[in-house]
Each structure stands twice: as C-alpha cells, then as structure tokens.
Amino acid sequence: MRSISKIAYLTILIALAQVNASVLTLEDAVREALLSSTQTKIFDEKLVSSREFENEQRGLLYPNISVYADAGRGAMPVDTRPFGGAGIVNQSANAFDYGIKATGPIYTFGKLSTAISMAKLKDESVRLQVKRGKQDLQMQVIDAYSAVVLAQAKVQVLRRSRDRSKETFTLLERDFTAGKGMKADVLMAKSSLKSLEPQIIAAERDADAARRNLNRLLGRPSQDVTPLDTTAMFASLEEDQIPDSQVAFDNAQKDRADLKSLEVASKVYAGTSTIFQANYYPTIGYMGKFGIKGSEVGQMVDWVQREWMVGVGMTWNVFDGWGKDGANKAKVASWKSDARVFDYQASELRRGIEIEIESAIRDRAAADTSLAATQEGCDAAREAVSLLKANYPGGMARLSDVLSAEDGLRNAELGLLAAHFNRTRAMAKLRIVVGRDLVPISEEK
C-alpha cells in the first residue's frame, strides 16, 4: 500500500511540475548551473589551459624551421705561402648568404617522450579535478535551492502567524473593552504580535540573500525571481536504493574523480622526476640546411653558389657547475617527494571516503524515517485543527486554541517541506559521495 501511495505521490509531483513550465525545478537548476554558472566557466578555462599545455609539449617533437639571410663584410688572415705567396695576408671580403634550415630531435633518452606523457597525464588529472568540482557544484545548487524554498516558506508562515495574532489581539481587545477578559491577556497578545515584526524582517532578509546566492550559482541576474518548484522532486534520484557500505566504497574507489586525480598526479610527479634525471644524458638531433652563399650580390641568384648540408648532431652537457648539478638533483628529489605526498593524500582520502559513505548511508536512512514521521505529525496537526474548528462554534474550544493549532499546522507543513528537501539532499549526497553525477556532465569544451 505504501509503495502505491509513493507512486501516486511521484505521479502528482510530475504532473504539477509539467503544469507550469516557467517554474524552475531543482533538477533543471542543477543542469543550468553546469551550463551557465561562473564556476563552470572557470572549470572550462582550466580544461583549455591544461589541453594547451599538452599541445605545447607535443610541439617539441616538430622540426624547428627557420629562414636566414645575412649580408656583411669581414676579414681573416690567409697564409699564401703554400700557394707561392709572400706570407700571411689579412684579406677582407664581402659575404652574403640566405636560405632555410631545420633542426629537430631524434633521441633524447626519454626527456621529450616522458614530458609529453606527463603532460597528457596532467591533463587527465585536471579533468578529474574539474569533474569533482562540478559534482560539488551540483550539491551547492541543491543546498542553495533548498535554502531559498525554506526561507521563503518561513516568511509565509510568519506572515500568516502575524495575521492570526492580529485577529487574536483584536478579539481580546474588543472583549476587554466590553468588560470581558483580562488586561494582561490583551497586553500579552499585543506583545506577541509586535515580536513577529522583526522576525518577519529578518526572515525576508534571509530569503532575499538565499535567492541571490542561488542566482549567483546559476549564473542568473541577482534580481531574478523565477518561481521555484517546492516539491523537492529529483526524478533520477528516486530510483536509487540504499547500497551496502562495502559495495559503495568499492564503487567510490573506482569512480571518485578526486581520488583518481590524486593517483594520476602522483604518476605525473614521479614521471617528471625522470626527466630531470635524463638531463645527464645526451640529446641526438637532426639538421638540414639549404641556401645560397657568395661574396658578391650578383652571386645570390647563381645556382652554382648553392650550399646544403644534412646530418645529425649530439649535445651532451657533461658538466655545468656544481651548483646546477646540485639543483638538478634537488629537483629530482623534490618531484619524487611530491609524488609520495600525493600517495599519502590519496590514502587519507580513501579513509575519509569510507567515513563519508557510512555517514551518507545513515543520513539517507534517517531522512527516510524523518520524512515518514514528519508526515504523520503533519497529518495529526491537520486533524487537530479540524477538530478544534468543529468544536469552536459550540463553545467547546477557544479561538486562541484554534489559532494556535493553525500555527502548529503551518509549522508542521514547513517541517514536512524541510523533510522532503532533506531527503532529496541525502539521496544526492550519497550519490556524490560514491563519485556519481546527479546529471550528466559535459567534459569537452
């Protein structure tokens, strides 16, 4: 029977959500934040920067092509004795040349290939960080959305309480003027009425601040007042069941983006340390050159004056000072140390995830129980109001009792609304804790 009523409840909520398409639902708010919020734009820019860093490293494999052109005059000593001359002559001449040359790496003992691989891993780590950041953003939207709905509901409850208090005060004052009742009751009713005014002002302030915060998260203008759906419905979450804690932990170790990001970052830092180690090894590259060279301007269009060269070369920095050698070794040790730090952080995060999962599972179970209990309390308050209203005309109940019961019912309805949102949040939190998205996240920008 309970399952049938649950299905009926969901059917009603879906129908209500479809009646007014202009109402912003909780699920649509989450989607909108992932598309339009400032935080999402920041995340996307991080992806752009990370992708371009990888492209930069890949660019090191491409040849370095340059065009050159020189013109000048110079002198150098020439020994003419082997050719029957008088001795050494300092001979001056013009020199002109132009052409094109290309250089590039052939083998770097892992310096370039490792740098490219690490850049790719770094990009993966950043993408995982962004994914987790967007998951956290989804939870922020749920909290902000709930805060707005509950704050606005609180304002309405206080306003209705003020209206009822005003009716009570008017009635008591009229009765006292007519010689019935006590002055103390009138003064207490007036005090109660006046005390509601600052509460309403504070509640309106809180509701306005909550709405502005939600608009900020969604990327909307701060003054946007689009009505919000108060059903706390999030259709995809209703399918989730409370999982076994060990199964949830195993899934989290596979799916939690922040954990995977730390594991990848450890590989990046460990791999980068080998690049500095490879600085002790030579670099072998290729070189090609073609151009025209001569001592007169007219020779610059003479094919006979062409020059070219193709070959390979090696550079090996065997010693660059004790300071630089020590600095290189320090970098190797530093990057390895940072890699170990990421390993430690990943280990701590696993322990934290285990605690989070246990807490989220209990919160979900408690939210289910609280919703059922609050629903029963709301039904009881509603029945109490009906009974008091039925007995009031016959003098078996006082007006103040009726008004107080109505206030109690409104507070119970506010509690029921909070319980619905609390259950939705608990379901969302459990999903986020194990590393799953509330709505699909687009990673490519």
Protein backbone atom coordinates (compact mmCIF):
# COMPACT_ATOMS: atom_id res chain seq x y z
CA MET A 1 0.00 0.00 0.00
CA ARG A 2 2.85 2.34 0.90
CA SER A 3 4.55 1.69 -2.46
CA ILE A 4 1.30 2.53 -4.27
CA SER A 5 0.97 5.82 -2.36
CA LYS A 6 4.60 6.63 -3.16
CA ILE A 7 3.98 6.07 -6.86
CA ALA A 8 0.87 8.21 -6.67
CA TYR A 9 2.83 10.94 -4.89
CA LEU A 10 5.52 10.94 -7.58
CA THR A 11 2.87 10.99 -10.32
CA ILE A 12 1.27 14.06 -8.74
CA LEU A 13 4.63 15.80 -8.42
CA ILE A 14 5.49 15.15 -12.05
CA ALA A 15 2.09 16.42 -13.15
CA LEU A 16 2.49 19.56 -11.06
CA ALA A 17 5.93 20.18 -12.50
CA GLN A 18 4.56 19.89 -16.03
CA VAL A 19 1.66 22.27 -15.41
CA ASN A 20 3.85 25.32 -15.15
CA ALA A 21 6.92 25.15 -17.37
CA SER A 22 8.08 28.56 -16.14
CA VAL A 23 8.75 27.17 -12.68
CA LEU A 24 12.43 26.35 -12.11
CA THR A 25 12.71 22.78 -10.85
CA LEU A 26 15.54 21.51 -8.69
CA GLU A 27 16.87 19.22 -11.41
CA ASP A 28 16.76 21.99 -14.02
CA ALA A 29 18.60 24.29 -11.62
CA VAL A 30 21.43 21.78 -11.35
CA ARG A 31 21.61 21.46 -15.13
CA GLU A 32 21.58 25.23 -15.56
CA ALA A 33 24.47 25.68 -13.13
CA LEU A 34 26.54 23.19 -15.10
CA LEU A 35 25.91 25.19 -18.27
CA SER A 36 25.88 28.83 -17.23
CA SER A 37 27.44 29.42 -13.83
CA THR A 38 30.66 31.34 -13.36
CA GLN A 39 32.19 28.35 -11.60
CA THR A 40 31.52 26.19 -14.66
CA LYS A 41 33.19 28.77 -16.89
CA ILE A 42 36.23 28.76 -14.61
CA PHE A 43 36.34 24.95 -14.75
CA ASP A 44 36.15 25.03 -18.54
CA GLU A 45 39.01 27.52 -18.77
CA LYS A 46 41.12 25.17 -16.66
CA LEU A 47 40.47 22.46 -19.25
CA VAL A 48 41.55 24.79 -22.04
CA SER A 49 44.78 25.66 -20.22
CA SER A 50 45.52 22.01 -19.49
CA ARG A 51 44.89 20.93 -23.07
CA GLU A 52 47.13 23.68 -24.46
CA PHE A 53 49.94 22.65 -22.10
CA GLU A 54 49.81 19.16 -23.58
CA ASN A 55 49.87 20.62 -27.09
CA GLU A 56 52.87 22.71 -26.11
CA GLN A 57 54.81 19.62 -25.06
CA ARG A 58 53.85 17.77 -28.23
CA GLY A 59 55.14 20.72 -30.22
CA LEU A 60 58.67 19.91 -29.08
CA LEU A 61 58.66 16.91 -31.43
CA TYR A 62 58.06 19.05 -34.51
CA PRO A 63 61.03 20.40 -36.50
CA ASN A 64 62.29 23.89 -35.85
CA ILE A 65 62.31 25.53 -39.29
CA SER A 66 63.86 28.94 -39.82
CA VAL A 67 64.77 31.20 -42.73
CA TYR A 68 68.04 33.10 -42.57
CA ALA A 69 69.64 35.93 -44.57
CA ASP A 70 72.97 37.67 -43.86
CA ALA A 71 74.97 40.44 -45.51
CA GLY A 72 78.26 41.98 -44.37
CA ARG A 73 81.98 42.49 -44.81
CA GLY A 74 84.77 40.92 -42.83
CA ALA A 75 88.42 40.00 -42.80
CA MET A 76 90.51 36.99 -41.82
CA PRO A 77 94.22 36.05 -42.08
CA VAL A 78 95.16 33.83 -45.06
CA ASP A 79 98.54 32.05 -45.40
CA THR A 80 99.58 32.42 -49.05
CA ARG A 81 102.93 30.62 -48.76
CA PRO A 82 101.60 27.19 -49.77
CA PHE A 83 100.46 28.85 -52.99
CA GLY A 84 103.76 30.66 -53.65
CA GLY A 85 102.81 33.85 -51.86
CA ALA A 86 104.89 36.09 -49.66
CA GLY A 87 103.30 35.10 -46.37
CA ILE A 88 100.20 35.75 -44.29
CA VAL A 89 97.78 38.33 -45.72
CA ASN A 90 94.80 39.77 -43.89
CA GLN A 91 92.23 39.54 -46.62
CA SER A 92 88.86 41.30 -46.46
CA ALA A 93 85.78 40.40 -48.49
CA ASN A 94 82.02 40.74 -48.71
CA ALA A 95 79.82 37.88 -47.51
CA PHE A 96 76.19 37.26 -48.49
CA ASP A 97 74.00 34.24 -47.82
CA TYR A 98 70.37 33.23 -47.40
CA GLY A 99 68.44 30.01 -47.14
CA ILE A 100 66.40 27.74 -44.92
CA LYS A 101 67.37 25.31 -42.20
CA ALA A 102 65.58 22.81 -39.98
CA THR A 103 66.54 21.08 -36.75
CA GLY A 104 64.74 18.60 -34.56
CA PRO A 105 65.21 15.83 -32.00
CA ILE A 106 65.87 12.21 -32.87
CA TYR A 107 66.53 10.69 -29.47
CA THR A 108 66.55 12.42 -26.09
CA PHE A 109 66.79 9.44 -23.72
CA GLY A 110 63.18 9.92 -22.68
CA LYS A 111 63.23 13.65 -21.98
CA LEU A 112 60.67 14.58 -24.65
CA SER A 113 58.58 11.41 -24.72
CA THR A 114 58.25 11.46 -20.94
CA ALA A 115 57.38 15.16 -20.95
CA ILE A 116 54.57 14.53 -23.45
CA SER A 117 53.29 11.54 -21.49
CA MET A 118 53.34 13.53 -18.25
CA ALA A 119 51.54 16.44 -19.93
CA LYS A 120 48.83 14.04 -21.05
CA LEU A 121 48.53 12.64 -17.53
CA LYS A 122 48.44 16.14 -16.09
CA ASP A 123 45.57 16.96 -18.44
CA GLU A 124 43.76 13.86 -17.21
CA SER A 125 44.35 14.90 -13.59
CA VAL A 126 42.96 18.37 -14.25
CA ARG A 127 39.91 16.92 -15.97
CA LEU A 128 39.27 14.70 -12.98
CA GLN A 129 39.60 17.69 -10.65
CA VAL A 130 37.13 19.61 -12.80
CA LYS A 131 34.70 16.71 -12.78
CA ARG A 132 34.78 16.56 -8.99
CA GLY A 133 34.43 20.32 -8.81
CA LYS A 134 31.31 20.16 -10.94
CA GLN A 135 29.91 17.42 -8.71
CA ASP A 136 30.47 19.63 -5.68
CA LEU A 137 28.76 22.45 -7.58
CA GLN A 138 25.70 20.24 -8.01
CA MET A 139 25.48 19.77 -4.24
CA GLN A 140 25.92 23.51 -3.72
CA VAL A 141 22.95 24.16 -6.00
CA ILE A 142 20.78 21.68 -4.08
CA ASP A 143 21.69 23.34 -0.78
CA ALA A 144 21.12 26.84 -2.18
CA TYR A 145 17.83 25.88 -3.82
CA SER A 146 16.58 24.26 -0.61
CA ALA A 147 17.63 27.30 1.41
CA VAL A 148 15.57 29.58 -0.85
CA VAL A 149 12.42 27.45 -0.71
CA LEU A 150 12.59 27.00 3.05
CA ALA A 151 13.43 30.66 3.68
CA GLN A 152 10.50 31.82 1.57
CA ALA A 153 8.20 29.31 3.27
CA LYS A 154 9.32 30.60 6.66
CA VAL A 155 8.40 34.13 5.62
CA GLN A 156 4.93 32.96 4.64
CA VAL A 157 4.49 31.10 7.94
CA LEU A 158 5.50 34.17 9.93
CA ARG A 159 3.20 36.42 7.92
CA ARG A 160 0.26 34.11 8.48
CA SER A 161 1.13 33.91 12.17
CA ARG A 162 1.13 37.71 12.28
CA ASP A 163 -2.31 37.79 10.67
CA ARG A 164 -3.63 35.29 13.21
CA SER A 165 -2.00 37.15 16.09
CA LYS A 166 -3.62 40.36 14.87
CA GLU A 167 -7.02 38.64 14.85
CA THR A 168 -6.44 37.32 18.36
CA PHE A 169 -5.34 40.73 19.64
CA THR A 170 -8.35 42.44 18.04
CA LEU A 171 -10.74 39.89 19.57
CA LEU A 172 -9.22 40.12 23.06
CA GLU A 173 -9.13 43.90 22.96
CA ARG A 174 -12.80 44.04 21.91
CA ASP A 175 -13.79 41.62 24.66
CA PHE A 176 -11.84 43.62 27.27
CA THR A 177 -13.48 46.85 26.14
CA ALA A 178 -16.83 45.10 26.54
CA GLY A 179 -15.93 44.15 30.09
CA LYS A 180 -14.80 40.61 29.45
CA GLY A 181 -11.33 39.12 29.83
CA MET A 182 -8.19 40.50 31.47
CA LYS A 183 -5.88 43.34 30.57
CA ALA A 184 -2.89 41.02 30.92
CA ASP A 185 -4.19 38.83 28.08
CA VAL A 186 -4.55 41.85 25.84
CA LEU A 187 -1.02 43.02 26.60
CA MET A 188 0.42 39.56 26.03
CA ALA A 189 -1.37 39.30 22.68
CA LYS A 190 -0.04 42.73 21.68
CA SER A 191 3.49 41.75 22.72
CA SER A 192 3.26 38.55 20.71
CA LEU A 193 2.04 40.47 17.66
CA LYS A 194 4.81 43.07 17.87
CA SER A 195 7.51 40.44 18.33
CA LEU A 196 6.65 38.96 14.94
CA GLU A 197 7.56 42.12 13.01
CA PRO A 198 11.37 41.91 13.46
CA GLN A 199 11.20 38.16 12.84
CA ILE A 200 9.47 38.78 9.51
CA ILE A 201 12.00 41.42 8.52
CA ALA A 202 14.90 39.09 9.35
CA ALA A 203 13.24 36.20 7.51
CA GLU A 204 12.66 38.37 4.41
CA ARG A 205 16.30 39.45 4.51
CA ASP A 206 17.44 35.83 4.74
CA ALA A 207 15.14 34.77 1.90
CA ASP A 208 16.44 37.56 -0.33
CA ALA A 209 20.08 36.68 0.43
CA ALA A 210 19.39 32.99 -0.21
CA ARG A 211 17.79 33.77 -3.58
CA ARG A 212 20.70 35.99 -4.60
CA ASN A 213 23.12 33.21 -3.72
CA LEU A 214 21.15 30.72 -5.81
CA ASN A 215 21.09 33.15 -8.75
CA ARG A 216 24.86 33.53 -8.42
CA LEU A 217 25.37 29.78 -8.61
CA LEU A 218 23.08 29.52 -11.64
CA GLY A 219 24.68 32.42 -13.48
CA ARG A 220 21.41 34.38 -13.40
CA PRO A 221 20.91 38.08 -12.67
CA SER A 222 20.83 38.70 -8.93
CA GLN A 223 17.29 40.13 -9.11
CA ASP A 224 15.80 37.06 -10.87
CA VAL A 225 12.62 35.90 -9.14
CA THR A 226 11.59 32.93 -11.28
CA PRO A 227 9.27 30.77 -9.12
CA LEU A 228 10.86 27.64 -7.66
CA ASP A 229 9.31 24.20 -7.51
CA THR A 230 8.62 23.38 -3.86
CA THR A 231 8.13 19.63 -4.31
CA ALA A 232 11.85 18.82 -3.86
CA MET A 233 11.44 16.37 -6.71
CA PHE A 234 14.55 14.98 -8.40
CA ALA A 235 13.25 12.17 -10.58
CA SER A 236 16.52 10.35 -11.25
CA LEU A 237 17.32 10.14 -7.52
CA GLU A 238 14.08 8.35 -6.71
CA GLU A 239 15.46 5.24 -8.41
CA ASP A 240 18.43 5.00 -6.01
CA GLN A 241 18.32 2.42 -3.25
CA ILE A 242 20.39 2.48 -0.07
CA PRO A 243 23.52 0.48 -1.02
CA ASP A 244 25.67 -1.87 1.02
CA SER A 245 28.51 0.17 2.53
CA GLN A 246 31.27 -2.09 1.20
CA VAL A 247 29.81 -2.08 -2.31
CA ALA A 248 29.50 1.69 -2.15
CA PHE A 249 33.13 2.01 -1.00
CA ASP A 250 34.37 -0.26 -3.78
CA ASN A 251 32.46 1.81 -6.34
CA ALA A 252 33.83 5.03 -4.87
CA GLN A 253 37.41 3.81 -5.27
CA LYS A 254 36.69 3.29 -8.96
CA ASP A 255 34.56 6.36 -9.62
CA ARG A 256 35.62 9.18 -7.26
CA ALA A 257 37.24 11.73 -9.55
CA ASP A 258 39.17 13.46 -6.76
CA LEU A 259 40.75 10.16 -5.69
CA LYS A 260 41.67 9.26 -9.26
CA SER A 261 43.08 12.76 -9.74
CA LEU A 262 45.47 12.29 -6.80
CA GLU A 263 46.57 8.91 -8.13
CA VAL A 264 47.25 10.38 -11.56
CA ALA A 265 49.06 13.38 -10.05
CA SER A 266 51.38 11.01 -8.22
CA LYS A 267 52.29 9.41 -11.54
CA VAL A 268 52.88 12.84 -13.08
CA TYR A 269 55.33 13.91 -10.40
CA ALA A 270 57.12 10.57 -10.31
CA GLY A 271 57.44 10.60 -14.11
CA THR A 272 58.60 14.21 -14.23
CA SER A 273 61.44 13.40 -11.84
CA THR A 274 62.86 11.06 -14.51
CA ILE A 275 63.02 14.00 -16.95
CA PHE A 276 65.48 15.77 -14.67
CA GLN A 277 67.43 12.54 -14.30
CA ALA A 278 67.62 12.33 -18.09
CA ASN A 279 69.33 15.74 -18.18
CA TYR A 280 72.57 13.85 -17.55
CA TYR A 281 72.19 12.05 -20.89
CA PRO A 282 72.90 13.44 -24.38
CA THR A 283 70.40 14.67 -26.94
CA ILE A 284 70.70 13.47 -30.54
CA GLY A 285 69.09 15.54 -33.25
CA TYR A 286 68.97 16.05 -37.00
CA MET A 287 69.82 19.13 -39.05
CA GLY A 288 69.19 20.16 -42.63
CA LYS A 289 70.24 23.32 -44.43
CA PHE A 290 69.96 24.72 -47.93
CA GLY A 291 70.83 28.16 -49.24
CA ILE A 292 72.93 30.43 -51.47
CA LYS A 293 76.28 31.85 -50.37
CA GLY A 294 78.70 34.20 -52.12
CA SER A 295 80.87 37.29 -51.91
CA GLU A 296 79.01 39.41 -54.43
CA VAL A 297 75.38 40.47 -54.68
CA GLY A 298 75.10 39.12 -58.21
CA GLN A 299 76.02 35.64 -56.99
CA MET A 300 72.86 35.48 -54.86
CA VAL A 301 70.86 34.28 -57.89
CA ASP A 302 73.54 31.93 -59.20
CA TRP A 303 72.64 28.26 -58.73
CA VAL A 304 76.34 27.40 -58.65
CA GLN A 305 76.64 29.30 -55.36
CA ARG A 306 74.24 26.94 -53.58
CA GLU A 307 75.20 25.23 -50.34
CA TRP A 308 73.46 22.45 -48.42
CA MET A 309 74.06 20.09 -45.56
CA VAL A 310 72.15 17.22 -43.98
CA GLY A 311 73.30 15.42 -40.88
CA VAL A 312 72.92 14.54 -37.24
CA GLY A 313 74.42 16.02 -34.13
CA MET A 314 74.71 15.42 -30.43
CA THR A 315 74.83 17.70 -27.44
CA TRP A 316 75.88 16.40 -24.06
CA ASN A 317 76.22 18.70 -21.14
CA VAL A 318 78.85 16.80 -19.18
CA PHE A 319 79.43 19.49 -16.57
CA ASP A 320 77.71 22.82 -15.93
CA GLY A 321 79.00 23.66 -12.49
CA TRP A 322 78.46 22.11 -9.10
CA GLY A 323 75.59 24.48 -8.37
CA LYS A 324 73.48 23.50 -11.36
CA ASP A 325 74.28 19.83 -10.83
CA GLY A 326 73.10 20.08 -7.25
CA ALA A 327 69.98 21.99 -8.30
CA ASN A 328 69.10 19.27 -10.81
CA LYS A 329 69.48 16.56 -8.18
CA ALA A 330 67.36 18.63 -5.80
CA LYS A 331 64.60 18.86 -8.41
CA VAL A 332 64.66 15.08 -8.87
CA ALA A 333 64.31 14.56 -5.11
CA SER A 334 61.64 17.28 -4.81
CA TRP A 335 59.41 15.85 -7.55
CA LYS A 336 59.72 12.35 -6.09
CA SER A 337 58.81 13.74 -2.68
CA ASP A 338 55.73 15.47 -4.10
CA ALA A 339 54.71 12.18 -5.73
CA ARG A 340 54.83 10.48 -2.34
CA VAL A 341 52.76 13.32 -0.85
CA PHE A 342 50.02 12.67 -3.41
CA ASP A 343 50.13 8.98 -2.49
CA TYR A 344 49.67 9.88 1.18
CA GLN A 345 46.81 12.25 0.32
CA ALA A 346 45.11 9.53 -1.73
CA SER A 347 45.44 7.13 1.19
CA GLU A 348 43.90 9.66 3.57
CA LEU A 349 41.12 10.41 1.11
CA ARG A 350 40.23 6.72 0.90
CA ARG A 351 39.82 6.65 4.67
CA GLY A 352 37.75 9.82 4.53
CA ILE A 353 35.55 8.39 1.78
CA GLU A 354 34.83 5.35 3.90
CA ILE A 355 33.66 7.61 6.71
CA GLU A 356 31.65 9.78 4.30
CA ILE A 357 29.88 6.74 2.89
CA GLU A 358 28.88 5.41 6.30
CA SER A 359 27.61 8.87 7.28
CA ALA A 360 25.74 9.36 3.98
CA ILE A 361 24.05 5.97 4.23
CA ARG A 362 22.88 6.72 7.78
CA ASP A 363 21.72 10.20 6.76
CA ARG A 364 19.72 8.70 3.93
CA ALA A 365 18.06 6.17 6.24
CA ALA A 366 17.40 8.87 8.84
CA ALA A 367 15.93 11.18 6.18
CA ASP A 368 13.52 8.45 5.06
CA THR A 369 12.43 7.86 8.67
CA SER A 370 12.18 11.58 9.41
CA LEU A 371 10.02 12.19 6.35
CA ALA A 372 7.59 9.45 7.38
CA ALA A 373 7.44 10.73 10.97
CA THR A 374 7.00 14.34 9.87
CA GLN A 375 4.22 13.31 7.51
CA GLU A 376 2.41 11.60 10.39
CA GLY A 377 2.92 14.67 12.59
CA CYS A 378 1.56 16.93 9.86
CA ASP A 379 -1.48 14.69 9.44
CA ALA A 380 -2.06 14.81 13.21
CA ALA A 381 -1.79 18.61 13.27
CA ARG A 382 -4.23 18.84 10.37
CA GLU A 383 -6.70 16.59 12.21
CA ALA A 384 -6.32 18.67 15.39
CA VAL A 385 -7.23 21.84 13.52
CA SER A 386 -10.29 20.17 12.05
CA LEU A 387 -11.48 19.01 15.48
CA LEU A 388 -10.94 22.41 17.12
CA LYS A 389 -12.73 24.22 14.31
CA ALA A 390 -15.63 21.79 14.63
CA ASN A 391 -15.86 22.34 18.42
CA TYR A 392 -15.35 26.12 18.40
CA PRO A 393 -18.92 27.13 17.38
CA GLY A 394 -20.35 25.18 20.34
CA GLY A 395 -18.02 26.83 22.83
CA MET A 396 -16.02 23.64 23.46
CA ALA A 397 -12.82 25.27 22.14
CA ARG A 398 -11.37 28.74 22.46
CA LEU A 399 -10.44 30.86 19.45
CA SER A 400 -6.89 31.12 20.72
CA ASP A 401 -6.68 27.32 20.69
CA VAL A 402 -7.85 27.23 17.09
CA LEU A 403 -5.37 29.89 16.05
CA SER A 404 -2.57 28.18 17.94
CA ALA A 405 -3.42 24.87 16.29
CA GLU A 406 -3.37 26.53 12.88
CA ASP A 407 0.06 27.96 13.64
CA GLY A 408 1.15 24.50 14.68
CA LEU A 409 -0.15 23.08 11.41
CA ARG A 410 1.74 25.65 9.37
CA ASN A 411 4.93 24.88 11.27
CA ALA A 412 4.30 21.17 10.71
CA GLU A 413 3.85 21.82 6.98
CA LEU A 414 7.09 23.80 6.97
CA GLY A 415 8.77 20.87 8.73
CA LEU A 416 7.35 18.50 6.13
CA LEU A 417 8.71 20.68 3.34
CA ALA A 418 12.11 20.69 5.02
CA ALA A 419 11.95 16.91 5.43
CA HIS A 420 11.29 16.45 1.69
CA PHE A 421 14.29 18.60 0.79
CA ASN A 422 16.42 16.92 3.43
CA ARG A 423 15.61 13.52 1.94
CA THR A 424 16.43 14.75 -1.57
CA ARG A 425 19.72 16.17 -0.30
CA ALA A 426 20.56 12.92 1.48
CA MET A 427 19.95 10.95 -1.72
CA ALA A 428 22.05 13.41 -3.72
CA LYS A 429 24.86 13.36 -1.16
CA LEU A 430 25.00 9.57 -1.20
CA ARG A 431 25.33 9.57 -4.96
CA ILE A 432 28.02 12.26 -4.97
CA VAL A 433 29.98 10.51 -2.21
CA VAL A 434 30.41 7.40 -4.35
CA GLY A 435 31.51 9.53 -7.30
CA ARG A 436 28.38 9.57 -9.45
CA ASP A 437 26.87 12.64 -11.09
CA LEU A 438 23.38 13.89 -10.37
CA VAL A 439 23.02 14.90 -14.01
CA PRO A 440 25.37 14.13 -16.92
CA ILE A 441 28.45 16.37 -17.06
CA SER A 442 29.89 17.51 -20.36
CA GLU A 443 33.69 17.47 -20.17
CA GLU A 444 34.59 18.68 -23.67
CA LYS A 445 34.76 22.41 -24.30
